[in-house]
Amino acid sequence: MVNEEKMRMPHTLNLDNDGNLKLTGVIDVTNFDENIVSLETSRGMLSVKGENLHVEGLSLERGELTLTGTVNAMEYDDNLMNRGGIFARLFG
């Protein structure tokens, strides 16, 4: 179970011109291959779609992930984003 502290981590996305995607607020990586990386963030589930995606760095303790490759799309699962606060998720 995800604790409340991790759910309050700031979540940022930074995609530079070289194809490096840096994320913060990462709680867990649920699936990854060269075409899609699915992860849980402090703002909900996020899918990063692209080509030749590689996880260059991951620190779940700090909530940081760095990807390289060609990012074509980033998509949040709206059903999980709109669930409310931590108590709504636990008891809702």
N, C-alpha and C. Protein backbone atom coordinates (compact mmCIF):
# COMPACT_ATOMS: atom_id res chain seq x y z
N MET A 1 0.84 -1.17 0.00
CA MET A 1 0.00 0.00 0.00
C MET A 1 0.89 1.25 0.00
N VAL A 2 0.45 2.24 -0.73
CA VAL A 2 1.20 3.47 -0.84
C VAL A 2 0.88 4.35 0.35
N ASN A 3 1.91 4.86 1.01
CA ASN A 3 1.63 5.70 2.16
C ASN A 3 1.33 7.12 1.72
N GLU A 4 0.72 7.87 2.64
CA GLU A 4 0.27 9.23 2.33
C GLU A 4 1.42 10.15 1.95
N GLU A 5 2.60 9.93 2.53
CA GLU A 5 3.75 10.77 2.21
C GLU A 5 4.11 10.67 0.73
N LYS A 6 4.10 9.47 0.18
CA LYS A 6 4.43 9.31 -1.25
C LYS A 6 3.36 9.95 -2.13
N MET A 7 2.11 9.91 -1.70
CA MET A 7 1.04 10.50 -2.51
C MET A 7 1.14 12.02 -2.54
N ARG A 8 1.85 12.63 -1.60
CA ARG A 8 2.01 14.09 -1.56
C ARG A 8 3.28 14.55 -2.26
N MET A 9 4.08 13.63 -2.77
CA MET A 9 5.31 14.04 -3.46
C MET A 9 4.97 14.93 -4.65
N PRO A 10 5.77 15.96 -4.90
CA PRO A 10 5.53 16.76 -6.11
C PRO A 10 5.76 15.91 -7.35
N HIS A 11 4.93 16.13 -8.35
CA HIS A 11 5.03 15.37 -9.61
C HIS A 11 5.35 16.35 -10.73
N THR A 12 6.48 16.13 -11.40
CA THR A 12 6.87 16.97 -12.53
C THR A 12 7.27 16.11 -13.71
N LEU A 13 7.15 16.68 -14.89
CA LEU A 13 7.61 16.06 -16.13
C LEU A 13 8.48 17.08 -16.84
N ASN A 14 9.63 16.63 -17.34
CA ASN A 14 10.52 17.52 -18.08
C ASN A 14 11.07 16.74 -19.27
N LEU A 15 10.63 17.11 -20.47
CA LEU A 15 11.09 16.47 -21.70
C LEU A 15 11.97 17.46 -22.45
N ASP A 16 13.25 17.10 -22.64
CA ASP A 16 14.15 18.02 -23.33
C ASP A 16 14.27 17.67 -24.81
N ASN A 17 14.99 18.49 -25.54
CA ASN A 17 15.13 18.32 -26.99
C ASN A 17 15.88 17.05 -27.38
N ASP A 18 16.66 16.50 -26.46
CA ASP A 18 17.42 15.29 -26.75
C ASP A 18 16.63 14.02 -26.50
N GLY A 19 15.38 14.14 -26.10
CA GLY A 19 14.55 12.96 -25.86
C GLY A 19 14.68 12.40 -24.46
N ASN A 20 15.25 13.17 -23.54
CA ASN A 20 15.34 12.74 -22.15
C ASN A 20 14.10 13.20 -21.41
N LEU A 21 13.41 12.26 -20.79
CA LEU A 21 12.23 12.58 -20.00
C LEU A 21 12.56 12.33 -18.54
N LYS A 22 12.47 13.38 -17.74
CA LYS A 22 12.74 13.26 -16.31
C LYS A 22 11.43 13.48 -15.57
N LEU A 23 11.12 12.53 -14.68
CA LEU A 23 9.89 12.59 -13.91
C LEU A 23 10.20 12.55 -12.43
N THR A 24 9.40 13.27 -11.65
CA THR A 24 9.46 13.15 -10.20
C THR A 24 8.06 12.76 -9.73
N GLY A 25 7.97 12.33 -8.48
CA GLY A 25 6.69 11.88 -7.95
C GLY A 25 6.35 10.47 -8.39
N VAL A 26 7.37 9.70 -8.78
CA VAL A 26 7.17 8.32 -9.23
C VAL A 26 7.11 7.41 -8.01
N ILE A 27 6.03 6.64 -7.93
CA ILE A 27 5.85 5.70 -6.83
C ILE A 27 6.26 4.29 -7.22
N ASP A 28 5.91 3.88 -8.46
CA ASP A 28 6.24 2.53 -8.91
C ASP A 28 6.20 2.48 -10.43
N VAL A 29 7.01 1.61 -11.01
CA VAL A 29 6.96 1.32 -12.44
C VAL A 29 6.26 -0.03 -12.56
N THR A 30 5.10 -0.04 -13.20
CA THR A 30 4.31 -1.27 -13.26
C THR A 30 4.60 -2.11 -14.49
N ASN A 31 5.10 -1.49 -15.56
CA ASN A 31 5.38 -2.22 -16.79
C ASN A 31 6.27 -1.35 -17.68
N PHE A 32 7.20 -1.99 -18.39
CA PHE A 32 7.97 -1.22 -19.36
C PHE A 32 8.51 -2.13 -20.44
N ASP A 33 8.58 -1.58 -21.64
CA ASP A 33 9.29 -2.19 -22.76
C ASP A 33 9.72 -1.04 -23.67
N GLU A 34 10.16 -1.32 -24.86
CA GLU A 34 10.68 -0.27 -25.74
C GLU A 34 9.61 0.68 -26.26
N ASN A 35 8.33 0.29 -26.13
CA ASN A 35 7.25 1.11 -26.71
C ASN A 35 6.34 1.77 -25.68
N ILE A 36 6.33 1.28 -24.45
CA ILE A 36 5.46 1.87 -23.43
C ILE A 36 6.06 1.66 -22.04
N VAL A 37 5.94 2.71 -21.23
CA VAL A 37 6.33 2.63 -19.83
C VAL A 37 5.10 3.05 -19.03
N SER A 38 4.63 2.16 -18.16
CA SER A 38 3.48 2.45 -17.31
C SER A 38 3.97 2.62 -15.89
N LEU A 39 3.53 3.71 -15.28
CA LEU A 39 4.00 3.97 -13.93
C LEU A 39 2.93 4.63 -13.09
N GLU A 40 3.08 4.44 -11.78
CA GLU A 40 2.21 5.08 -10.82
C GLU A 40 2.94 6.30 -10.28
N THR A 41 2.26 7.44 -10.33
CA THR A 41 2.84 8.67 -9.82
C THR A 41 1.96 9.20 -8.68
N SER A 42 2.42 10.23 -8.04
CA SER A 42 1.64 10.83 -6.97
C SER A 42 0.38 11.52 -7.51
N ARG A 43 0.25 11.65 -8.81
CA ARG A 43 -0.94 12.23 -9.45
C ARG A 43 -1.77 11.20 -10.19
N GLY A 44 -1.42 9.92 -10.11
CA GLY A 44 -2.18 8.87 -10.77
C GLY A 44 -1.32 8.05 -11.70
N MET A 45 -1.97 7.16 -12.43
CA MET A 45 -1.27 6.28 -13.37
C MET A 45 -0.93 7.06 -14.64
N LEU A 46 0.28 6.83 -15.14
CA LEU A 46 0.77 7.52 -16.33
C LEU A 46 1.36 6.50 -17.29
N SER A 47 0.99 6.61 -18.56
CA SER A 47 1.59 5.79 -19.61
C SER A 47 2.39 6.70 -20.53
N VAL A 48 3.65 6.33 -20.75
CA VAL A 48 4.51 7.05 -21.69
C VAL A 48 4.70 6.12 -22.88
N LYS A 49 4.28 6.60 -24.06
CA LYS A 49 4.36 5.79 -25.27
C LYS A 49 5.39 6.38 -26.22
N GLY A 50 6.10 5.51 -26.92
CA GLY A 50 7.11 5.99 -27.85
C GLY A 50 7.86 4.86 -28.51
N GLU A 51 9.08 5.15 -28.89
CA GLU A 51 9.94 4.19 -29.58
C GLU A 51 11.31 4.19 -28.93
N ASN A 52 11.90 3.01 -28.84
CA ASN A 52 13.24 2.86 -28.25
C ASN A 52 13.35 3.48 -26.86
N LEU A 53 12.31 3.29 -26.05
CA LEU A 53 12.32 3.83 -24.70
C LEU A 53 13.22 2.98 -23.81
N HIS A 54 14.05 3.66 -23.04
CA HIS A 54 14.96 2.97 -22.12
C HIS A 54 14.94 3.69 -20.78
N VAL A 55 14.87 2.92 -19.72
CA VAL A 55 14.95 3.49 -18.38
C VAL A 55 16.43 3.71 -18.07
N GLU A 56 16.83 4.96 -18.01
CA GLU A 56 18.24 5.30 -17.75
C GLU A 56 18.53 5.42 -16.26
N GLY A 57 17.53 5.83 -15.50
CA GLY A 57 17.71 5.98 -14.06
C GLY A 57 16.40 5.83 -13.34
N LEU A 58 16.43 5.15 -12.20
CA LEU A 58 15.22 4.97 -11.40
C LEU A 58 15.60 4.96 -9.93
N SER A 59 14.94 5.81 -9.16
CA SER A 59 15.09 5.81 -7.71
C SER A 59 13.71 5.97 -7.11
N LEU A 60 13.14 4.87 -6.66
CA LEU A 60 11.82 4.94 -6.04
C LEU A 60 11.90 5.61 -4.68
N GLU A 61 13.06 5.54 -4.03
CA GLU A 61 13.22 6.22 -2.75
C GLU A 61 13.06 7.73 -2.91
N ARG A 62 13.62 8.28 -3.98
CA ARG A 62 13.52 9.72 -4.26
C ARG A 62 12.34 10.03 -5.17
N GLY A 63 11.71 9.01 -5.75
CA GLY A 63 10.57 9.21 -6.64
C GLY A 63 10.96 9.76 -7.99
N GLU A 64 12.14 9.37 -8.50
CA GLU A 64 12.66 9.92 -9.75
C GLU A 64 12.85 8.84 -10.81
N LEU A 65 12.55 9.19 -12.06
CA LEU A 65 12.73 8.30 -13.20
C LEU A 65 13.25 9.11 -14.37
N THR A 66 14.24 8.56 -15.09
CA THR A 66 14.74 9.18 -16.32
C THR A 66 14.60 8.18 -17.45
N LEU A 67 13.95 8.61 -18.54
CA LEU A 67 13.77 7.80 -19.74
C LEU A 67 14.48 8.47 -20.91
N THR A 68 14.99 7.65 -21.82
CA THR A 68 15.50 8.17 -23.09
C THR A 68 14.75 7.46 -24.21
N GLY A 69 14.78 8.05 -25.38
CA GLY A 69 14.11 7.49 -26.54
C GLY A 69 13.23 8.56 -27.18
N THR A 70 12.35 8.12 -28.06
CA THR A 70 11.42 9.02 -28.73
C THR A 70 10.07 8.92 -28.04
N VAL A 71 9.67 9.99 -27.36
CA VAL A 71 8.39 10.02 -26.67
C VAL A 71 7.34 10.55 -27.63
N ASN A 72 6.31 9.74 -27.90
CA ASN A 72 5.23 10.14 -28.80
C ASN A 72 4.00 10.63 -28.05
N ALA A 73 3.78 10.11 -26.84
CA ALA A 73 2.58 10.48 -26.08
C ALA A 73 2.79 10.20 -24.61
N MET A 74 2.12 11.00 -23.79
CA MET A 74 2.05 10.77 -22.35
C MET A 74 0.58 10.88 -21.98
N GLU A 75 0.07 9.86 -21.31
CA GLU A 75 -1.36 9.82 -21.04
C GLU A 75 -1.62 9.38 -19.60
N TYR A 76 -2.40 10.20 -18.90
CA TYR A 76 -2.83 9.85 -17.55
C TYR A 76 -4.14 9.09 -17.62
N ASP A 77 -4.34 8.17 -16.70
CA ASP A 77 -5.61 7.47 -16.57
C ASP A 77 -6.53 8.36 -15.76
N ASP A 78 -7.48 9.01 -16.43
CA ASP A 78 -8.37 9.96 -15.76
C ASP A 78 -9.18 9.34 -14.64
N ASN A 79 -9.53 8.06 -14.76
CA ASN A 79 -10.30 7.42 -13.71
C ASN A 79 -9.54 7.42 -12.39
N LEU A 80 -8.24 7.27 -12.44
CA LEU A 80 -7.44 7.25 -11.23
C LEU A 80 -7.08 8.66 -10.78
N MET A 81 -6.98 9.60 -11.71
CA MET A 81 -6.63 10.97 -11.35
C MET A 81 -7.75 11.64 -10.55
N ASN A 82 -9.00 11.29 -10.83
CA ASN A 82 -10.14 11.97 -10.22
C ASN A 82 -10.70 11.22 -9.02
N ARG A 83 -9.93 10.38 -8.40
CA ARG A 83 -10.43 9.58 -7.29
C ARG A 83 -10.51 10.35 -5.99
N GLY A 84 -9.97 11.52 -5.92
CA GLY A 84 -10.00 12.28 -4.67
C GLY A 84 -8.72 12.09 -3.89
N GLY A 85 -8.79 12.42 -2.60
CA GLY A 85 -7.62 12.34 -1.74
C GLY A 85 -7.31 10.91 -1.32
N ILE A 86 -6.33 10.81 -0.46
CA ILE A 86 -5.86 9.49 0.00
C ILE A 86 -6.95 8.73 0.72
N PHE A 87 -7.78 9.43 1.51
CA PHE A 87 -8.83 8.74 2.25
C PHE A 87 -9.91 8.22 1.32
N ALA A 88 -10.21 8.96 0.26
CA ALA A 88 -11.17 8.47 -0.72
C ALA A 88 -10.65 7.23 -1.41
N ARG A 89 -9.35 7.17 -1.64
CA ARG A 89 -8.76 6.00 -2.29
C ARG A 89 -8.76 4.79 -1.36
N LEU A 90 -8.54 5.05 -0.09
CA LEU A 90 -8.49 3.95 0.86
C LEU A 90 -9.87 3.44 1.24
N PHE A 91 -10.82 4.35 1.38
CA PHE A 91 -12.13 3.98 1.90
C PHE A 91 -13.27 4.16 0.91
N GLY A 92 -12.95 4.65 -0.30
CA GLY A 92 -13.99 4.98 -1.25
C GLY A 92 -14.42 3.92 -2.13
